[in-house]
Amino acid sequence: MAYLYQGKCLDTVQRLHESVAAACPPVSGNYSLQCTPSAAQVDIVATDIFSAATYASVLIPSQIPCDVSLLDQTAFYWQLAGILAVGFGIRAIIKAFQ
């Protein structure tokens, strides 16, 4: 099963968590953030910039199912349409010069 995140189908929960952790901002307000992915969750450690106090929290991203084959088919059909359009354009140019 694949999971949808930011328009991409990710094949495992681990990859989903890695993508969420990679999108974690380094600074948020007065806190420095460090996001670490694992197989079950994303661990977030926030460090107060002024007092150096640390706070830990856990994020479990929503696992939105995604059909990989549907996205692959859609991309394939758009590529096919582009190839056909280019072929038609070349054919029209050849006929114009005859």
N, C-alpha and C. Protein backbone atom coordinates (compact mmCIF):
# COMPACT_ATOMS: atom_id res chain seq x y z
N MET A 1 0.84 -1.17 0.00
CA MET A 1 0.00 0.00 0.00
C MET A 1 0.89 1.24 0.00
N ALA A 2 0.47 2.25 -0.70
CA ALA A 2 1.21 3.50 -0.78
C ALA A 2 0.45 4.59 -0.02
N TYR A 3 1.18 5.65 0.34
CA TYR A 3 0.61 6.73 1.12
C TYR A 3 0.88 8.06 0.43
N LEU A 4 -0.12 8.93 0.43
CA LEU A 4 -0.04 10.22 -0.26
C LEU A 4 0.52 11.28 0.67
N TYR A 5 1.54 12.01 0.19
CA TYR A 5 2.08 13.16 0.93
C TYR A 5 2.58 14.18 -0.08
N GLN A 6 2.04 15.38 -0.03
CA GLN A 6 2.40 16.49 -0.91
C GLN A 6 2.38 16.08 -2.39
N GLY A 7 1.34 15.38 -2.79
CA GLY A 7 1.16 15.01 -4.19
C GLY A 7 2.00 13.84 -4.66
N LYS A 8 2.70 13.17 -3.74
CA LYS A 8 3.53 12.02 -4.11
C LYS A 8 3.01 10.78 -3.41
N CYS A 9 3.09 9.66 -4.10
CA CYS A 9 2.76 8.37 -3.49
C CYS A 9 4.06 7.78 -2.94
N LEU A 10 4.08 7.55 -1.64
CA LEU A 10 5.26 6.97 -0.99
C LEU A 10 4.93 5.53 -0.62
N ASP A 11 5.83 4.60 -0.96
CA ASP A 11 5.49 3.18 -0.88
C ASP A 11 5.47 2.59 0.52
N THR A 12 6.10 3.20 1.50
CA THR A 12 6.08 2.65 2.86
C THR A 12 5.78 3.75 3.87
N VAL A 13 5.38 3.33 5.07
CA VAL A 13 5.14 4.27 6.16
C VAL A 13 6.46 4.95 6.54
N GLN A 14 7.55 4.20 6.51
CA GLN A 14 8.86 4.77 6.84
C GLN A 14 9.20 5.93 5.89
N ARG A 15 8.96 5.76 4.61
CA ARG A 15 9.24 6.84 3.65
C ARG A 15 8.32 8.03 3.89
N LEU A 16 7.07 7.76 4.27
CA LEU A 16 6.15 8.84 4.62
C LEU A 16 6.71 9.64 5.78
N HIS A 17 7.16 8.95 6.82
CA HIS A 17 7.72 9.63 7.99
C HIS A 17 9.01 10.38 7.64
N GLU A 18 9.83 9.82 6.77
CA GLU A 18 11.05 10.50 6.34
C GLU A 18 10.72 11.79 5.58
N SER A 19 9.69 11.76 4.75
CA SER A 19 9.30 12.95 3.99
C SER A 19 8.74 14.03 4.90
N VAL A 20 7.94 13.62 5.88
CA VAL A 20 7.39 14.58 6.84
C VAL A 20 8.52 15.20 7.65
N ALA A 21 9.47 14.39 8.10
CA ALA A 21 10.59 14.91 8.88
C ALA A 21 11.47 15.84 8.05
N ALA A 22 11.63 15.54 6.77
CA ALA A 22 12.44 16.39 5.90
C ALA A 22 11.79 17.76 5.69
N ALA A 23 10.46 17.81 5.79
CA ALA A 23 9.74 19.08 5.62
C ALA A 23 9.67 19.89 6.91
N CYS A 24 10.23 19.37 7.97
CA CYS A 24 10.22 20.04 9.27
C CYS A 24 11.10 21.30 9.20
N PRO A 25 10.56 22.47 9.58
CA PRO A 25 11.38 23.69 9.52
C PRO A 25 12.44 23.68 10.62
N PRO A 26 13.63 24.22 10.35
CA PRO A 26 14.68 24.23 11.38
C PRO A 26 14.36 25.16 12.55
N VAL A 27 13.60 26.23 12.29
CA VAL A 27 13.25 27.19 13.34
C VAL A 27 11.78 27.51 13.22
N SER A 28 11.10 27.54 14.37
CA SER A 28 9.69 27.92 14.41
C SER A 28 9.48 28.81 15.62
N GLY A 29 9.27 30.09 15.37
CA GLY A 29 9.11 31.04 16.47
C GLY A 29 10.40 31.14 17.26
N ASN A 30 10.33 30.91 18.57
CA ASN A 30 11.51 30.96 19.43
C ASN A 30 12.14 29.59 19.64
N TYR A 31 11.78 28.63 18.81
CA TYR A 31 12.25 27.27 19.01
C TYR A 31 13.04 26.76 17.81
N SER A 32 14.09 26.02 18.13
CA SER A 32 14.84 25.28 17.12
C SER A 32 14.26 23.87 17.10
N LEU A 33 13.92 23.38 15.92
CA LEU A 33 13.27 22.07 15.82
C LEU A 33 14.19 21.03 15.21
N GLN A 34 14.09 19.83 15.73
CA GLN A 34 14.79 18.69 15.15
C GLN A 34 13.78 17.56 15.02
N CYS A 35 13.53 17.11 13.80
CA CYS A 35 12.56 16.06 13.53
C CYS A 35 13.29 14.80 13.11
N THR A 36 12.97 13.70 13.76
CA THR A 36 13.62 12.42 13.48
C THR A 36 12.56 11.38 13.13
N PRO A 37 12.63 10.81 11.91
CA PRO A 37 11.63 9.80 11.53
C PRO A 37 11.97 8.43 12.10
N SER A 38 10.93 7.67 12.36
CA SER A 38 11.09 6.26 12.72
C SER A 38 9.99 5.48 12.02
N ALA A 39 9.94 4.20 12.22
CA ALA A 39 8.93 3.38 11.54
C ALA A 39 7.52 3.67 12.04
N ALA A 40 7.39 4.14 13.29
CA ALA A 40 6.06 4.33 13.87
C ALA A 40 5.61 5.79 13.94
N GLN A 41 6.56 6.74 13.92
CA GLN A 41 6.20 8.13 14.16
C GLN A 41 7.34 9.06 13.75
N VAL A 42 7.10 10.36 13.94
CA VAL A 42 8.14 11.36 13.76
C VAL A 42 8.35 12.01 15.13
N ASP A 43 9.55 11.88 15.67
CA ASP A 43 9.87 12.49 16.96
C ASP A 43 10.34 13.92 16.72
N ILE A 44 9.77 14.84 17.49
CA ILE A 44 10.11 16.26 17.36
C ILE A 44 10.69 16.75 18.68
N VAL A 45 11.88 17.33 18.62
CA VAL A 45 12.49 17.94 19.79
C VAL A 45 12.60 19.43 19.51
N ALA A 46 11.93 20.22 20.36
CA ALA A 46 11.96 21.67 20.23
C ALA A 46 12.84 22.23 21.34
N THR A 47 13.80 23.05 20.96
CA THR A 47 14.71 23.67 21.92
C THR A 47 14.46 25.16 21.92
N ASP A 48 14.15 25.70 23.11
CA ASP A 48 13.94 27.14 23.25
C ASP A 48 15.27 27.84 23.01
N ILE A 49 15.27 28.78 22.09
CA ILE A 49 16.51 29.46 21.69
C ILE A 49 17.09 30.27 22.84
N PHE A 50 16.23 30.86 23.67
CA PHE A 50 16.70 31.75 24.73
C PHE A 50 17.06 31.01 26.02
N SER A 51 16.28 30.00 26.40
CA SER A 51 16.53 29.33 27.68
C SER A 51 17.19 27.96 27.53
N ALA A 52 17.30 27.45 26.33
CA ALA A 52 17.89 26.14 26.02
C ALA A 52 17.08 24.99 26.61
N ALA A 53 15.85 25.25 27.03
CA ALA A 53 14.98 24.18 27.50
C ALA A 53 14.50 23.37 26.30
N THR A 54 14.40 22.06 26.49
CA THR A 54 13.95 21.21 25.39
C THR A 54 12.60 20.59 25.71
N TYR A 55 11.82 20.41 24.66
CA TYR A 55 10.49 19.81 24.76
C TYR A 55 10.39 18.75 23.67
N ALA A 56 9.89 17.60 24.04
CA ALA A 56 9.76 16.51 23.08
C ALA A 56 8.28 16.27 22.78
N SER A 57 8.00 15.97 21.53
CA SER A 57 6.64 15.61 21.14
C SER A 57 6.71 14.57 20.02
N VAL A 58 5.57 13.98 19.75
CA VAL A 58 5.49 12.92 18.75
C VAL A 58 4.44 13.31 17.72
N LEU A 59 4.77 13.12 16.46
CA LEU A 59 3.82 13.36 15.37
C LEU A 59 3.59 12.05 14.64
N ILE A 60 2.33 11.68 14.50
CA ILE A 60 1.98 10.51 13.70
C ILE A 60 1.20 11.03 12.50
N PRO A 61 1.84 11.12 11.33
CA PRO A 61 1.19 11.70 10.15
C PRO A 61 -0.01 10.86 9.69
N SER A 62 -0.97 11.52 9.10
CA SER A 62 -2.13 10.83 8.52
C SER A 62 -1.66 9.94 7.38
N GLN A 63 -2.14 8.72 7.37
CA GLN A 63 -1.77 7.76 6.33
C GLN A 63 -2.89 7.71 5.30
N ILE A 64 -2.80 8.61 4.33
CA ILE A 64 -3.80 8.71 3.28
C ILE A 64 -3.44 7.71 2.18
N PRO A 65 -4.32 6.75 1.90
CA PRO A 65 -3.98 5.75 0.89
C PRO A 65 -3.85 6.36 -0.50
N CYS A 66 -2.97 5.80 -1.28
CA CYS A 66 -2.70 6.32 -2.62
C CYS A 66 -2.50 5.14 -3.56
N ASP A 67 -3.10 5.21 -4.73
CA ASP A 67 -2.96 4.15 -5.72
C ASP A 67 -1.84 4.53 -6.68
N VAL A 68 -0.70 3.89 -6.53
CA VAL A 68 0.47 4.21 -7.34
C VAL A 68 0.19 4.00 -8.82
N SER A 69 -0.50 2.93 -9.15
CA SER A 69 -0.73 2.62 -10.57
C SER A 69 -1.59 3.69 -11.23
N LEU A 70 -2.53 4.29 -10.49
CA LEU A 70 -3.37 5.34 -11.07
C LEU A 70 -2.53 6.56 -11.43
N LEU A 71 -1.61 6.96 -10.55
CA LEU A 71 -0.75 8.10 -10.85
C LEU A 71 0.19 7.79 -12.01
N ASP A 72 0.70 6.56 -12.05
CA ASP A 72 1.59 6.17 -13.15
C ASP A 72 0.84 6.18 -14.47
N GLN A 73 -0.40 5.71 -14.48
CA GLN A 73 -1.20 5.69 -15.70
C GLN A 73 -1.49 7.10 -16.18
N THR A 74 -1.82 7.98 -15.26
CA THR A 74 -2.12 9.37 -15.64
C THR A 74 -0.89 10.03 -16.25
N ALA A 75 0.27 9.84 -15.64
CA ALA A 75 1.50 10.41 -16.19
C ALA A 75 1.79 9.82 -17.57
N PHE A 76 1.60 8.52 -17.73
CA PHE A 76 1.83 7.88 -19.02
C PHE A 76 0.92 8.47 -20.09
N TYR A 77 -0.35 8.64 -19.79
CA TYR A 77 -1.28 9.16 -20.79
C TYR A 77 -0.97 10.61 -21.15
N TRP A 78 -0.50 11.41 -20.20
CA TRP A 78 -0.09 12.78 -20.54
C TRP A 78 1.14 12.77 -21.45
N GLN A 79 2.07 11.87 -21.19
CA GLN A 79 3.25 11.76 -22.05
C GLN A 79 2.84 11.29 -23.45
N LEU A 80 1.93 10.35 -23.52
CA LEU A 80 1.45 9.87 -24.81
C LEU A 80 0.76 10.99 -25.57
N ALA A 81 -0.06 11.78 -24.88
CA ALA A 81 -0.73 12.90 -25.54
C ALA A 81 0.29 13.91 -26.06
N GLY A 82 1.34 14.16 -25.30
CA GLY A 82 2.39 15.07 -25.76
C GLY A 82 3.11 14.56 -26.99
N ILE A 83 3.41 13.27 -27.01
CA ILE A 83 4.07 12.68 -28.18
C ILE A 83 3.18 12.77 -29.41
N LEU A 84 1.89 12.49 -29.24
CA LEU A 84 0.96 12.58 -30.37
C LEU A 84 0.84 14.02 -30.87
N ALA A 85 0.82 14.98 -29.96
CA ALA A 85 0.71 16.39 -30.37
C ALA A 85 1.96 16.82 -31.14
N VAL A 86 3.13 16.40 -30.67
CA VAL A 86 4.37 16.74 -31.38
C VAL A 86 4.38 16.08 -32.75
N GLY A 87 3.97 14.82 -32.83
CA GLY A 87 3.91 14.13 -34.13
C GLY A 87 2.97 14.82 -35.09
N PHE A 88 1.82 15.24 -34.61
CA PHE A 88 0.87 15.95 -35.46
C PHE A 88 1.47 17.28 -35.93
N GLY A 89 2.17 17.97 -35.04
CA GLY A 89 2.80 19.24 -35.42
C GLY A 89 3.86 19.05 -36.49
N ILE A 90 4.69 18.03 -36.34
CA ILE A 90 5.73 17.74 -37.35
C ILE A 90 5.08 17.39 -38.68
N ARG A 91 4.02 16.60 -38.63
CA ARG A 91 3.32 16.23 -39.87
C ARG A 91 2.74 17.47 -40.56
N ALA A 92 2.19 18.39 -39.78
CA ALA A 92 1.62 19.61 -40.34
C ALA A 92 2.71 20.48 -40.97
N ILE A 93 3.88 20.55 -40.34
CA ILE A 93 5.00 21.34 -40.89
C ILE A 93 5.48 20.72 -42.20
N ILE A 94 5.59 19.40 -42.25
CA ILE A 94 6.03 18.72 -43.48
C ILE A 94 5.05 18.99 -44.61
N LYS A 95 3.76 18.91 -44.32
CA LYS A 95 2.76 19.17 -45.36
C LYS A 95 2.79 20.63 -45.81
N ALA A 96 3.11 21.53 -44.91
CA ALA A 96 3.15 22.95 -45.26
C ALA A 96 4.29 23.24 -46.23
N PHE A 97 5.39 22.51 -46.14
CA PHE A 97 6.53 22.76 -47.01
C PHE A 97 6.47 21.97 -48.32
N GLN A 98 5.48 21.13 -48.51
CA GLN A 98 5.39 20.36 -49.76
C GLN A 98 4.70 21.15 -50.82
